[in-house]
C-alpha atoms as a PDB file:
ATOM      1  CA  MET A   1       6.668 -90.904 -40.896  1.00  0.00           C
ATOM      2  CA  ILE A   2       4.381 -90.627 -43.833  1.00  0.00           C
ATOM      3  CA  THR A   3       3.420 -87.262 -45.375  1.00  0.00           C
ATOM      4  CA  ILE A   4      -0.017 -86.786 -47.244  1.00  0.00           C
ATOM      5  CA  LEU A   5      -0.208 -83.295 -48.755  1.00  0.00           C
ATOM      6  CA  GLY A   6      -2.369 -81.755 -51.367  1.00  0.00           C
ATOM      7  CA  PRO A   7      -4.034 -78.370 -52.509  1.00  0.00           C
ATOM      8  CA  THR A   8      -7.017 -77.562 -50.600  1.00  0.00           C
ATOM      9  CA  ALA A   9     -10.185 -79.699 -51.277  1.00  0.00           C
ATOM     10  CA  SER A  10      -8.354 -82.853 -52.461  1.00  0.00           C
ATOM     11  CA  GLY A  11      -9.378 -84.700 -49.565  1.00  0.00           C
ATOM     12  CA  LYS A  12      -6.292 -85.120 -47.973  1.00  0.00           C
ATOM     13  CA  THR A  13      -7.285 -84.957 -44.079  1.00  0.00           C
ATOM     14  CA  ARG A  14      -9.547 -87.671 -44.811  1.00  0.00           C
ATOM     15  CA  LEU A  15      -6.731 -89.764 -46.298  1.00  0.00           C
ATOM     16  CA  ALA A  16      -4.336 -89.251 -43.882  1.00  0.00           C
ATOM     17  CA  ALA A  17      -7.274 -89.988 -40.809  1.00  0.00           C
ATOM     18  CA  THR A  18      -8.063 -93.240 -42.618  1.00  0.00           C
ATOM     19  CA  LEU A  19      -4.358 -94.294 -43.293  1.00  0.00           C
ATOM     20  CA  ALA A  20      -3.381 -93.530 -39.607  1.00  0.00           C
ATOM     21  CA  ALA A  21      -6.461 -95.478 -38.409  1.00  0.00           C
ATOM     22  CA  ASP A  22      -5.037 -98.594 -40.249  1.00  0.00           C
ATOM     23  CA  ILE A  23      -1.543 -98.602 -39.457  1.00  0.00           C
ATOM     24  CA  ASP A  24      -2.003 -97.511 -35.596  1.00  0.00           C
ATOM     25  CA  ALA A  25      -0.474 -93.828 -36.490  1.00  0.00           C
ATOM     26  CA  GLU A  26      -1.532 -90.563 -35.086  1.00  0.00           C
ATOM     27  CA  VAL A  27      -1.729 -87.392 -37.254  1.00  0.00           C
ATOM     28  CA  ILE A  28       0.363 -83.942 -37.009  1.00  0.00           C
ATOM     29  CA  SER A  29      -1.239 -81.074 -38.752  1.00  0.00           C
ATOM     30  CA  ALA A  30       0.447 -78.971 -40.935  1.00  0.00           C
ATOM     31  CA  ASP A  31      -2.137 -76.296 -41.525  1.00  0.00           C
ATOM     32  CA  SER A  32      -0.988 -72.633 -40.660  1.00  0.00           C
ATOM     33  CA  ARG A  33      -4.618 -71.495 -39.672  1.00  0.00           C
ATOM     34  CA  GLN A  34      -6.084 -74.792 -38.162  1.00  0.00           C
ATOM     35  CA  VAL A  35      -4.057 -73.798 -35.180  1.00  0.00           C
ATOM     36  CA  TYR A  36      -6.179 -71.490 -34.043  1.00  0.00           C
ATOM     37  CA  ARG A  37      -9.028 -71.787 -31.581  1.00  0.00           C
ATOM     38  CA  ARG A  38     -12.684 -71.042 -32.457  1.00  0.00           C
ATOM     39  CA  MET A  39     -11.654 -70.870 -36.063  1.00  0.00           C
ATOM     40  CA  ASP A  40     -13.091 -73.623 -37.191  1.00  0.00           C
ATOM     41  CA  ILE A  41     -15.481 -73.233 -40.394  1.00  0.00           C
ATOM     42  CA  GLY A  42     -13.508 -70.774 -42.119  1.00  0.00           C
ATOM     43  CA  THR A  43      -9.925 -73.147 -41.771  1.00  0.00           C
ATOM     44  CA  GLY A  44     -12.215 -76.316 -42.809  1.00  0.00           C
ATOM     45  CA  LYS A  45     -10.924 -78.040 -39.926  1.00  0.00           C
ATOM     46  CA  ASP A  46     -13.455 -81.032 -41.163  1.00  0.00           C
ATOM     47  CA  LEU A  47     -12.780 -82.538 -37.605  1.00  0.00           C
ATOM     48  CA  ASP A  48     -15.254 -85.515 -38.685  1.00  0.00           C
ATOM     49  CA  ASP A  49     -12.885 -86.494 -41.027  1.00  0.00           C
ATOM     50  CA  TYR A  50     -10.624 -87.979 -38.027  1.00  0.00           C
ATOM     51  CA  VAL A  51     -13.839 -90.241 -36.838  1.00  0.00           C
ATOM     52  CA  VAL A  52     -12.740 -93.629 -38.889  1.00  0.00           C
ATOM     53  CA  ASP A  53     -15.294 -96.535 -37.976  1.00  0.00           C
ATOM     54  CA  VAL A  54     -16.630 -94.658 -34.996  1.00  0.00           C
ATOM     55  CA  LYS A  55     -13.281 -94.186 -33.629  1.00  0.00           C
ATOM     56  CA  ARG A  56     -11.319 -90.679 -33.342  1.00  0.00           C
ATOM     57  CA  VAL A  57      -7.879 -90.566 -34.777  1.00  0.00           C
ATOM     58  CA  ALA A  58      -5.698 -88.105 -32.625  1.00  0.00           C
ATOM     59  CA  CYS A  59      -4.717 -85.225 -34.309  1.00  0.00           C
ATOM     60  CA  HIS A  60      -1.934 -82.729 -33.215  1.00  0.00           C
ATOM     61  CA  LEU A  61      -1.306 -78.862 -33.803  1.00  0.00           C
ATOM     62  CA  VAL A  62      -4.712 -78.193 -34.028  1.00  0.00           C
ATOM     63  CA  ASP A  63      -6.627 -75.574 -31.904  1.00  0.00           C
ATOM     64  CA  ILE A  64      -3.439 -74.413 -29.863  1.00  0.00           C
ATOM     65  CA  CYS A  65      -3.226 -70.717 -30.121  1.00  0.00           C
ATOM     66  CA  GLU A  66      -5.802 -68.156 -29.463  1.00  0.00           C
ATOM     67  CA  PRO A  67      -7.440 -66.054 -32.601  1.00  0.00           C
ATOM     68  CA  GLY A  68      -5.554 -62.759 -33.111  1.00  0.00           C
ATOM     69  CA  THR A  69      -2.368 -63.802 -32.273  1.00  0.00           C
ATOM     70  CA  ARG A  70       0.374 -64.601 -34.919  1.00  0.00           C
ATOM     71  CA  TYR A  71       1.950 -68.355 -34.994  1.00  0.00           C
ATOM     72  CA  ASN A  72       4.610 -68.855 -37.122  1.00  0.00           C
ATOM     73  CA  VAL A  73       7.031 -71.864 -38.702  1.00  0.00           C
ATOM     74  CA  TYR A  74       9.578 -71.093 -35.984  1.00  0.00           C
ATOM     75  CA  GLU A  75       6.852 -71.902 -33.222  1.00  0.00           C
ATOM     76  CA  TYR A  76       5.524 -74.839 -35.597  1.00  0.00           C
ATOM     77  CA  GLN A  77       8.877 -76.423 -35.951  1.00  0.00           C
ATOM     78  CA  ARG A  78       8.982 -76.430 -32.107  1.00  0.00           C
ATOM     79  CA  ASP A  79       5.680 -77.790 -31.558  1.00  0.00           C
ATOM     80  CA  PHE A  80       6.050 -80.221 -34.208  1.00  0.00           C
ATOM     81  CA  LEU A  81       9.094 -81.958 -32.646  1.00  0.00           C
ATOM     82  CA  GLN A  82       7.368 -82.134 -29.072  1.00  0.00           C
ATOM     83  CA  ALA A  83       4.489 -83.837 -31.070  1.00  0.00           C
ATOM     84  CA  TYR A  84       6.420 -86.045 -32.822  1.00  0.00           C
ATOM     85  CA  ALA A  85       8.673 -87.039 -29.512  1.00  0.00           C
ATOM     86  CA  ASP A  86       5.318 -87.819 -27.756  1.00  0.00           C
ATOM     87  CA  ILE A  87       3.851 -90.125 -30.395  1.00  0.00           C
ATOM     88  CA  THR A  88       6.796 -91.816 -31.089  1.00  0.00           C
ATOM     89  CA  SER A  89       7.515 -92.787 -27.437  1.00  0.00           C
ATOM     90  CA  ARG A  90       4.340 -94.644 -27.075  1.00  0.00           C
ATOM     91  CA  GLY A  91       5.309 -96.497 -30.004  1.00  0.00           C
ATOM     92  CA  LYS A  92       2.966 -94.776 -32.355  1.00  0.00           C
ATOM     93  CA  ARG A  93       3.687 -93.954 -36.048  1.00  0.00           C
ATOM     94  CA  VAL A  94       3.551 -90.581 -37.408  1.00  0.00           C
ATOM     95  CA  VAL A  95       1.410 -89.082 -40.398  1.00  0.00           C
ATOM     96  CA  LEU A  96       2.301 -85.684 -41.039  1.00  0.00           C
ATOM     97  CA  CYS A  97      -0.625 -83.662 -43.136  1.00  0.00           C
ATOM     98  CA  GLY A  98      -1.539 -80.486 -44.489  1.00  0.00           C
ATOM     99  CA  GLY A  99      -0.996 -78.268 -47.398  1.00  0.00           C
ATOM    100  CA  THR A 100       1.016 -75.263 -45.936  1.00  0.00           C
ATOM    101  CA  GLY A 101       3.844 -76.061 -47.974  1.00  0.00           C
ATOM    102  CA  LEU A 102       6.242 -74.004 -45.683  1.00  0.00           C
ATOM    103  CA  TYR A 103       5.395 -75.795 -42.740  1.00  0.00           C
ATOM    104  CA  LEU A 104       5.787 -79.016 -44.504  1.00  0.00           C
ATOM    105  CA  GLU A 105       8.905 -78.206 -46.076  1.00  0.00           C
ATOM    106  CA  ALA A 106      10.562 -76.667 -43.096  1.00  0.00           C
ATOM    107  CA  VAL A 107      10.244 -80.095 -41.189  1.00  0.00           C
ATOM    108  CA  LEU A 108      10.867 -82.216 -44.122  1.00  0.00           C
ATOM    109  CA  LYS A 109      14.131 -80.127 -45.220  1.00  0.00           C
ATOM    110  CA  GLY A 110      14.940 -79.211 -41.366  1.00  0.00           C
ATOM    111  CA  TYR A 111      15.188 -75.634 -41.926  1.00  0.00           C
ATOM    112  CA  HIS A 112      17.469 -73.967 -39.193  1.00  0.00           C
ATOM    113  CA  LEU A 113      14.932 -70.915 -38.365  1.00  0.00           C
ATOM    114  CA  SER A 114      15.801 -68.126 -35.861  1.00  0.00           C
ATOM    115  CA  PRO A 115      12.865 -65.883 -34.280  1.00  0.00           C
ATOM    116  CA  VAL A 116      12.865 -62.539 -35.695  1.00  0.00           C
ATOM    117  CA  PRO A 117      11.981 -59.245 -34.128  1.00  0.00           C
ATOM    118  CA  GLN A 118       9.909 -56.753 -35.217  1.00  0.00           C
ATOM    119  CA  ASN A 119      11.087 -53.433 -36.874  1.00  0.00           C
ATOM    120  CA  ALA A 120       9.078 -50.519 -35.880  1.00  0.00           C
ATOM    121  CA  GLU A 121      10.639 -48.031 -37.952  1.00  0.00           C
ATOM    122  CA  LEU A 122      10.610 -50.601 -40.877  1.00  0.00           C
ATOM    123  CA  ARG A 123       7.059 -51.044 -40.198  1.00  0.00           C
ATOM    124  CA  GLN A 124       6.177 -47.538 -40.344  1.00  0.00           C
ATOM    125  CA  ARG A 125       8.108 -47.194 -43.628  1.00  0.00           C
ATOM    126  CA  LEU A 126       6.045 -49.647 -45.062  1.00  0.00           C
ATOM    127  CA  GLU A 127       2.707 -48.456 -43.507  1.00  0.00           C
ATOM    128  CA  GLY A 128       0.170 -47.807 -46.651  1.00  0.00           C
ATOM    129  CA  LYS A 129       1.941 -49.513 -49.243  1.00  0.00           C
ATOM    130  CA  THR A 130      -0.402 -51.887 -51.394  1.00  0.00           C
ATOM    131  CA  LEU A 131       0.663 -55.173 -51.694  1.00  0.00           C
ATOM    132  CA  ALA A 132       1.468 -55.035 -55.104  1.00  0.00           C
ATOM    133  CA  GLU A 133       4.446 -52.502 -53.844  1.00  0.00           C
ATOM    134  CA  LEU A 134       5.277 -54.696 -51.005  1.00  0.00           C
ATOM    135  CA  THR A 135       5.537 -57.951 -53.054  1.00  0.00           C
ATOM    136  CA  VAL A 136       8.121 -56.164 -55.369  1.00  0.00           C
ATOM    137  CA  LEU A 137      10.245 -54.778 -52.376  1.00  0.00           C
ATOM    138  CA  LEU A 138      10.042 -58.567 -51.021  1.00  0.00           C
ATOM    139  CA  ALA A 139      10.875 -60.129 -54.504  1.00  0.00           C
ATOM    140  CA  GLU A 140      14.261 -57.896 -54.836  1.00  0.00           C
ATOM    141  CA  LEU A 141      15.019 -58.501 -50.941  1.00  0.00           C
ATOM    142  CA  LYS A 142      14.750 -62.518 -51.766  1.00  0.00           C
ATOM    143  CA  ARG A 143      16.990 -61.818 -54.624  1.00  0.00           C
ATOM    144  CA  ARG A 144      19.832 -60.173 -52.656  1.00  0.00           C
ATOM    145  CA  ASN A 145      19.413 -63.068 -49.887  1.00  0.00           C
ATOM    146  CA  GLY A 146      19.401 -66.010 -52.297  1.00  0.00           C
ATOM    147  CA  SER A 147      16.154 -66.735 -50.137  1.00  0.00           C
ATOM    148  CA  THR A 148      13.309 -69.597 -51.178  1.00  0.00           C
ATOM    149  CA  MET A 149      11.277 -68.382 -48.185  1.00  0.00           C
ATOM    150  CA  HIS A 150       8.271 -66.396 -48.464  1.00  0.00           C
ATOM    151  CA  ASN A 151       6.566 -67.557 -51.592  1.00  0.00           C
ATOM    152  CA  THR A 152       3.235 -65.983 -52.477  1.00  0.00           C
ATOM    153  CA  THR A 153       1.192 -69.368 -50.842  1.00  0.00           C
ATOM    154  CA  ASP A 154       1.202 -67.210 -47.359  1.00  0.00           C
ATOM    155  CA  VAL A 155       2.132 -63.854 -48.234  1.00  0.00           C
ATOM    156  CA  ASP A 156      -1.263 -62.734 -49.539  1.00  0.00           C
ATOM    157  CA  THR A 157      -2.291 -59.797 -47.380  1.00  0.00           C
ATOM    158  CA  ALA A 158      -0.280 -56.466 -47.048  1.00  0.00           C
ATOM    159  CA  GLN A 159       0.382 -57.390 -43.101  1.00  0.00           C
ATOM    160  CA  ARG A 160       2.001 -60.867 -44.162  1.00  0.00           C
ATOM    161  CA  ALA A 161       4.061 -58.923 -46.915  1.00  0.00           C
ATOM    162  CA  ILE A 162       5.271 -56.629 -44.510  1.00  0.00           C
ATOM    163  CA  ARG A 163       6.233 -59.393 -41.761  1.00  0.00           C
ATOM    164  CA  ALA A 164       8.086 -61.309 -44.500  1.00  0.00           C
ATOM    165  CA  ILE A 165      10.091 -57.938 -46.022  1.00  0.00           C
ATOM    166  CA  GLU A 166      11.164 -57.389 -41.682  1.00  0.00           C
ATOM    167  CA  ILE A 167      12.544 -61.132 -41.778  1.00  0.00           C
ATOM    168  CA  GLU A 168      14.469 -60.806 -45.112  1.00  0.00           C
ATOM    169  CA  GLU A 169      15.610 -57.360 -44.043  1.00  0.00           C
ATOM    170  CA  TYR A 170      17.076 -59.095 -40.876  1.00  0.00           C
ATOM    171  CA  ASN A 171      18.403 -61.692 -42.365  1.00  0.00           C
ATOM    172  CA  LEU A 172      20.468 -59.186 -44.547  1.00  0.00           C
ATOM    173  CA  GLU A 173      21.836 -57.771 -41.640  1.00  0.00           C
ATOM    174  CA  HIS A 174      22.757 -60.633 -39.074  1.00  0.00           C
ATOM    175  CA  PRO A 175      24.293 -64.166 -39.206  1.00  0.00           C
ATOM    176  CA  VAL A 176      21.871 -66.959 -39.001  1.00  0.00           C
ATOM    177  CA  ASP A 177      22.369 -68.994 -35.817  1.00  0.00           C
ATOM    178  CA  ASP A 178      22.328 -72.546 -36.357  1.00  0.00           C
ATOM    179  CA  ARG A 179      19.119 -74.070 -34.729  1.00  0.00           C
ATOM    180  CA  PHE A 180      19.095 -77.920 -34.033  1.00  0.00           C
ATOM    181  CA  PHE A 181      16.471 -79.776 -35.875  1.00  0.00           C
ATOM    182  CA  PRO A 182      16.906 -83.626 -36.452  1.00  0.00           C
ATOM    183  CA  GLN A 183      16.896 -85.127 -39.992  1.00  0.00           C
ATOM    184  CA  LEU A 184      13.581 -86.893 -40.103  1.00  0.00           C
ATOM    185  CA  GLN A 185      13.021 -88.857 -42.825  1.00  0.00           C
ATOM    186  CA  SER A 186       9.225 -89.293 -44.498  1.00  0.00           C
ATOM    187  CA  LEU A 187       7.927 -91.025 -47.628  1.00  0.00           C
ATOM    188  CA  VAL A 188       5.860 -88.416 -49.143  1.00  0.00           C
ATOM    189  CA  ILE A 189       2.604 -88.486 -50.813  1.00  0.00           C
ATOM    190  CA  GLY A 190       0.673 -85.958 -52.801  1.00  0.00           C
ATOM    191  CA  VAL A 191      -3.307 -86.333 -53.887  1.00  0.00           C
ATOM    192  CA  ASP A 192      -3.381 -85.510 -57.375  1.00  0.00           C
ATOM    193  CA  ILE A 193      -6.517 -84.110 -58.076  1.00  0.00           C
ATOM    194  CA  GLU A 194      -7.720 -82.614 -61.621  1.00  0.00           C
ATOM    195  CA  ARG A 195      -8.111 -78.599 -62.016  1.00  0.00           C
ATOM    196  CA  GLU A 196     -11.572 -78.509 -62.610  1.00  0.00           C
ATOM    197  CA  GLU A 197     -12.683 -80.524 -60.062  1.00  0.00           C
ATOM    198  CA  ARG A 198     -10.813 -78.993 -57.831  1.00  0.00           C
ATOM    199  CA  ARG A 199     -12.364 -76.095 -58.620  1.00  0.00           C
ATOM    200  CA  ARG A 200     -15.922 -77.519 -58.530  1.00  0.00           C
ATOM    201  CA  ARG A 201     -15.132 -78.808 -55.033  1.00  0.00           C
ATOM    202  CA  ILE A 202     -13.929 -75.481 -53.643  1.00  0.00           C
ATOM    203  CA  THR A 203     -16.897 -73.613 -54.792  1.00  0.00           C
ATOM    204  CA  HIS A 204     -19.202 -76.247 -53.519  1.00  0.00           C
ATOM    205  CA  ARG A 205     -17.179 -76.114 -49.984  1.00  0.00           C
ATOM    206  CA  LEU A 206     -17.325 -72.318 -50.161  1.00  0.00           C
ATOM    207  CA  ARG A 207     -21.250 -72.307 -50.579  1.00  0.00           C
ATOM    208  CA  GLN A 208     -21.556 -74.924 -47.494  1.00  0.00           C
ATOM    209  CA  ARG A 209     -19.119 -73.287 -45.154  1.00  0.00           C
ATOM    210  CA  LEU A 210     -21.293 -70.299 -45.227  1.00  0.00           C
ATOM    211  CA  ASP A 211     -24.355 -72.284 -44.857  1.00  0.00           C
ATOM    212  CA  GLU A 212     -22.989 -73.792 -41.850  1.00  0.00           C
ATOM    213  CA  GLY A 213     -22.416 -70.164 -40.502  1.00  0.00           C
ATOM    214  CA  MET A 214     -18.835 -69.117 -41.322  1.00  0.00           C
ATOM    215  CA  VAL A 215     -20.157 -65.501 -41.184  1.00  0.00           C
ATOM    216  CA  ASP A 216     -21.726 -65.865 -37.987  1.00  0.00           C
ATOM    217  CA  GLU A 217     -18.155 -67.367 -36.654  1.00  0.00           C
ATOM    218  CA  VAL A 218     -16.390 -64.401 -37.817  1.00  0.00           C
ATOM    219  CA  ARG A 219     -18.948 -61.950 -35.873  1.00  0.00           C
ATOM    220  CA  GLN A 220     -18.608 -63.883 -32.841  1.00  0.00           C
ATOM    221  CA  LEU A 221     -14.744 -63.735 -33.132  1.00  0.00           C
ATOM    222  CA  LEU A 222     -15.195 -59.825 -33.798  1.00  0.00           C
ATOM    223  CA  ASP A 223     -17.563 -59.676 -30.777  1.00  0.00           C
ATOM    224  CA  SER A 224     -15.276 -61.590 -28.607  1.00  0.00           C
ATOM    225  CA  GLY A 225     -12.825 -58.455 -28.774  1.00  0.00           C
ATOM    226  CA  ILE A 226     -10.432 -59.621 -31.963  1.00  0.00           C
ATOM    227  CA  PRO A 227      -9.918 -56.640 -33.966  1.00  0.00           C
ATOM    228  CA  ALA A 228     -10.898 -56.420 -37.668  1.00  0.00           C
ATOM    229  CA  GLU A 229      -7.178 -56.084 -38.922  1.00  0.00           C
ATOM    230  CA  ASN A 230      -6.122 -59.445 -36.823  1.00  0.00           C
ATOM    231  CA  LEU A 231      -8.651 -61.564 -38.973  1.00  0.00           C
ATOM    232  CA  ILE A 232      -7.905 -59.888 -42.125  1.00  0.00           C
ATOM    233  CA  TYR A 233      -4.350 -60.629 -41.442  1.00  0.00           C
ATOM    234  CA  TYR A 234      -5.351 -64.470 -41.908  1.00  0.00           C
ATOM    235  CA  GLY A 235      -6.195 -63.756 -45.498  1.00  0.00           C
ATOM    236  CA  LEU A 236      -8.794 -66.098 -47.644  1.00  0.00           C
ATOM    237  CA  GLU A 237     -12.213 -66.504 -45.529  1.00  0.00           C
ATOM    238  CA  TYR A 238     -11.212 -64.498 -42.219  1.00  0.00           C
ATOM    239  CA  LYS A 239     -10.120 -61.815 -44.869  1.00  0.00           C
ATOM    240  CA  TYR A 240     -13.242 -61.299 -46.800  1.00  0.00           C
ATOM    241  CA  VAL A 241     -15.387 -62.337 -44.610  1.00  0.00           C
ATOM    242  CA  THR A 242     -14.160 -59.842 -41.907  1.00  0.00           C
ATOM    243  CA  GLU A 243     -14.270 -57.267 -44.751  1.00  0.00           C
ATOM    244  CA  TYR A 244     -18.102 -58.026 -45.738  1.00  0.00           C
ATOM    245  CA  VAL A 245     -18.996 -58.267 -41.642  1.00  0.00           C
ATOM    246  CA  ILE A 246     -17.715 -54.880 -41.127  1.00  0.00           C
ATOM    247  CA  GLY A 247     -19.662 -53.499 -44.307  1.00  0.00           C
ATOM    248  CA  LYS A 248     -16.397 -52.987 -46.851  1.00  0.00           C
ATOM    249  CA  ILE A 249     -17.882 -55.159 -49.361  1.00  0.00           C
ATOM    250  CA  THR A 250     -21.264 -56.770 -50.178  1.00  0.00           C
ATOM    251  CA  PHE A 251     -21.856 -60.225 -49.716  1.00  0.00           C
ATOM    252  CA  ASP A 252     -21.738 -61.023 -53.491  1.00  0.00           C
ATOM    253  CA  GLU A 253     -18.537 -59.155 -53.609  1.00  0.00           C
ATOM    254  CA  MET A 254     -17.190 -61.218 -50.573  1.00  0.00           C
ATOM    255  CA  PHE A 255     -18.462 -64.540 -52.234  1.00  0.00           C
ATOM    256  CA  THR A 256     -17.057 -63.737 -55.892  1.00  0.00           C
ATOM    257  CA  GLN A 257     -13.681 -62.146 -54.311  1.00  0.00           C
ATOM    258  CA  LEU A 258     -13.293 -65.053 -51.922  1.00  0.00           C
ATOM    259  CA  GLU A 259     -14.026 -67.918 -54.264  1.00  0.00           C
ATOM    260  CA  ILE A 260     -11.242 -66.292 -56.820  1.00  0.00           C
ATOM    261  CA  ALA A 261      -8.799 -66.015 -53.964  1.00  0.00           C
ATOM    262  CA  ILE A 262      -9.252 -69.685 -52.878  1.00  0.00           C
ATOM    263  CA  HIS A 263      -9.113 -70.806 -56.351  1.00  0.00           C
ATOM    264  CA  GLN A 264      -5.932 -68.755 -56.663  1.00  0.00           C
ATOM    265  CA  PHE A 265      -4.415 -70.108 -53.610  1.00  0.00           C
ATOM    266  CA  ALA A 266      -5.178 -73.799 -54.384  1.00  0.00           C
ATOM    267  CA  LYS A 267      -2.958 -73.054 -57.462  1.00  0.00           C
ATOM    268  CA  ARG A 268      -0.508 -71.562 -55.322  1.00  0.00           C
ATOM    269  CA  GLN A 269      -0.049 -74.645 -53.128  1.00  0.00           C
ATOM    270  CA  MET A 270       0.546 -76.703 -56.270  1.00  0.00           C
ATOM    271  CA  THR A 271       3.348 -74.435 -57.326  1.00  0.00           C
ATOM    272  CA  TRP A 272       5.012 -74.613 -54.077  1.00  0.00           C
ATOM    273  CA  PHE A 273       4.679 -78.448 -54.028  1.00  0.00           C
ATOM    274  CA  ARG A 274       6.371 -78.251 -57.604  1.00  0.00           C
ATOM    275  CA  GLY A 275       8.945 -76.150 -56.337  1.00  0.00           C
ATOM    276  CA  MET A 276       9.483 -78.969 -53.229  1.00  0.00           C
ATOM    277  CA  GLU A 277      10.010 -81.470 -55.867  1.00  0.00           C
ATOM    278  CA  ARG A 278      12.362 -79.142 -57.517  1.00  0.00           C
ATOM    279  CA  ARG A 279      14.737 -78.801 -53.980  1.00  0.00           C
ATOM    280  CA  GLY A 280      14.609 -82.432 -53.987  1.00  0.00           C
ATOM    281  CA  THR A 281      11.340 -83.656 -52.220  1.00  0.00           C
ATOM    282  CA  VAL A 282      10.196 -87.046 -53.960  1.00  0.00           C
ATOM    283  CA  ILE A 283       6.616 -86.904 -53.778  1.00  0.00           C
ATOM    284  CA  HIS A 284       4.411 -89.648 -54.996  1.00  0.00           C
ATOM    285  CA  TRP A 285       1.200 -88.446 -56.462  1.00  0.00           C
ATOM    286  CA  ILE A 286      -1.993 -90.346 -56.186  1.00  0.00           C
ATOM    287  CA  ASP A 287      -5.135 -90.028 -58.309  1.00  0.00           C
ATOM    288  CA  TYR A 288      -7.988 -88.063 -56.368  1.00  0.00           C
ATOM    289  CA  ASP A 289     -10.737 -90.161 -58.013  1.00  0.00           C
ATOM    290  CA  LEU A 290      -9.329 -93.599 -56.465  1.00  0.00           C
ATOM    291  CA  PRO A 291     -11.576 -95.029 -53.931  1.00  0.00           C
ATOM    292  CA  LEU A 292     -10.704 -93.940 -50.374  1.00  0.00           C
ATOM    293  CA  GLN A 293      -9.383 -97.627 -49.188  1.00  0.00           C
ATOM    294  CA  GLU A 294      -7.593 -98.074 -52.425  1.00  0.00           C
ATOM    295  CA  LYS A 295      -5.632 -94.791 -52.082  1.00  0.00           C
ATOM    296  CA  VAL A 296      -4.843 -95.986 -48.415  1.00  0.00           C
ATOM    297  CA  GLU A 297      -3.764 -99.494 -50.006  1.00  0.00           C
ATOM    298  CA  ALA A 298      -1.715 -97.735 -52.485  1.00  0.00           C
ATOM    299  CA  VAL A 299       0.256 -95.518 -49.788  1.00  0.00           C
ATOM    300  CA  LYS A 300       0.942 -98.743 -47.815  1.00  0.00           C
ATOM    301  CA  ARG A 301       2.153-100.432 -50.811  1.00  0.00           C
ATOM    302  CA  LEU A 302       4.663 -97.537 -51.179  1.00  0.00           C
ATOM    303  CA  ALA A 303       5.414 -97.519 -47.550  1.00  0.00           C
ATOM    304  CA  ALA A 304       6.387-100.907 -47.309  1.00  0.00           C
ATOM    305  CA  ASN A 305       8.290-101.514 -50.796  1.00  0.00           C
ATOM    306  CA  HIS A 306      10.215 -97.822 -51.169  1.00  0.00           C
ATOM    307  CA  ALA A 307      13.769 -97.672 -52.142  1.00  0.00           C
ATOM    308  CA  PRO A 308      16.176 -94.686 -50.242  1.00  0.00           C
ATOM    309  CA  SER A 309      15.771 -92.604 -53.123  1.00  0.00           C
ATOM    310  CA  ASP A 310      11.449 -92.447 -52.554  1.00  0.00           C
ATOM    311  CA  ILE A 311      12.110 -90.667 -49.275  1.00  0.00           C
ATOM    312  CA  THR A 312      12.662 -86.960 -49.128  1.00  0.00           C
ATOM    313  CA  SER A 313      16.228 -86.390 -48.106  1.00  0.00           C
ATOM    314  CA  PRO A 314      16.755 -84.162 -45.533  1.00  0.00           C
ATOM    315  CA  SER A 315      19.031 -81.057 -46.566  1.00  0.00           C
ATOM    316  CA  PRO A 316      19.054 -78.381 -43.546  1.00  0.00           C
ATOM    317  CA  SER A 317      19.348 -74.843 -44.857  1.00  0.00           C
ATOM    318  CA  LYS A 318      19.866 -71.940 -42.986  1.00  0.00           C
ATOM    319  CA  ASP A 319      16.803 -69.257 -43.276  1.00  0.00           C
ATOM    320  CA  GLN A 320      14.687 -67.223 -41.047  1.00  0.00           C
ATOM    321  CA  ASP A 321      11.137 -67.586 -38.848  1.00  0.00           C
ATOM    322  CA  HIS A 322       8.428 -66.837 -41.656  1.00  0.00           C
ATOM    323  CA  GLY A 323       6.171 -64.938 -38.860  1.00  0.00           C
END
């Protein structure tokens, strides 16, 4: 398996699809929001990226859930294994691609996860607390658990923070049952994009997505009966555009706050990837500015010439479902 990771707006999807077309592989997505159907513009599915020389590259784990539901890393591991087995049974190679660090690491490091039930009493107790207050509570629980899960990359709303606290609380009180996850090895490639170029691309893409109808997409989701708080739960585009549509903020406030939030999100993604390196994952960084075909050739050379130390070493850990 070859893994392509990078922050938002780094061109990782196009690289993964082009590489997959070149080596007769299929792509498995590692994006926590692109699993939802009809959430296309806001999640940046960019499905055209999977068309290479008029041929569509197969991509798995996109459009597999209904909006309004809450997909989690436990389910992602299950679905990843099914997709991986399907692809490899047909003699194809696998390219894992995404920017959701928790999903990537859950696969690459073989996290042993267990489902965690909702705790109504805890949720009632935490209701009304601010995200800042919840973040402090979560940090203390993580300290007590010695947990590396629930970094701020994905805990960017009060609802997500409450779910993370719920899981950490459960982990304190219940022993973790081991869940089998095979030890997979992967060459891991990171797209290294300079900060100012990343910021420029993020702003450009935000304007483009608004022009393409991102506000209408959110309106249609709301009109279909999905509660506003469920869309806000997904964070980023869906949080701020929903708040605009329901009249909580103005268009200009929405744009400014969302732009800042996406920049912060990209920075947190890079923080997570650096953390992966500290935890033992070897990431080979490739310059974003290289022409696409040169990037593909660089990945192929690394795949052909890697030593055992160039491959991420699975180190199964015991932790709970991110939710």
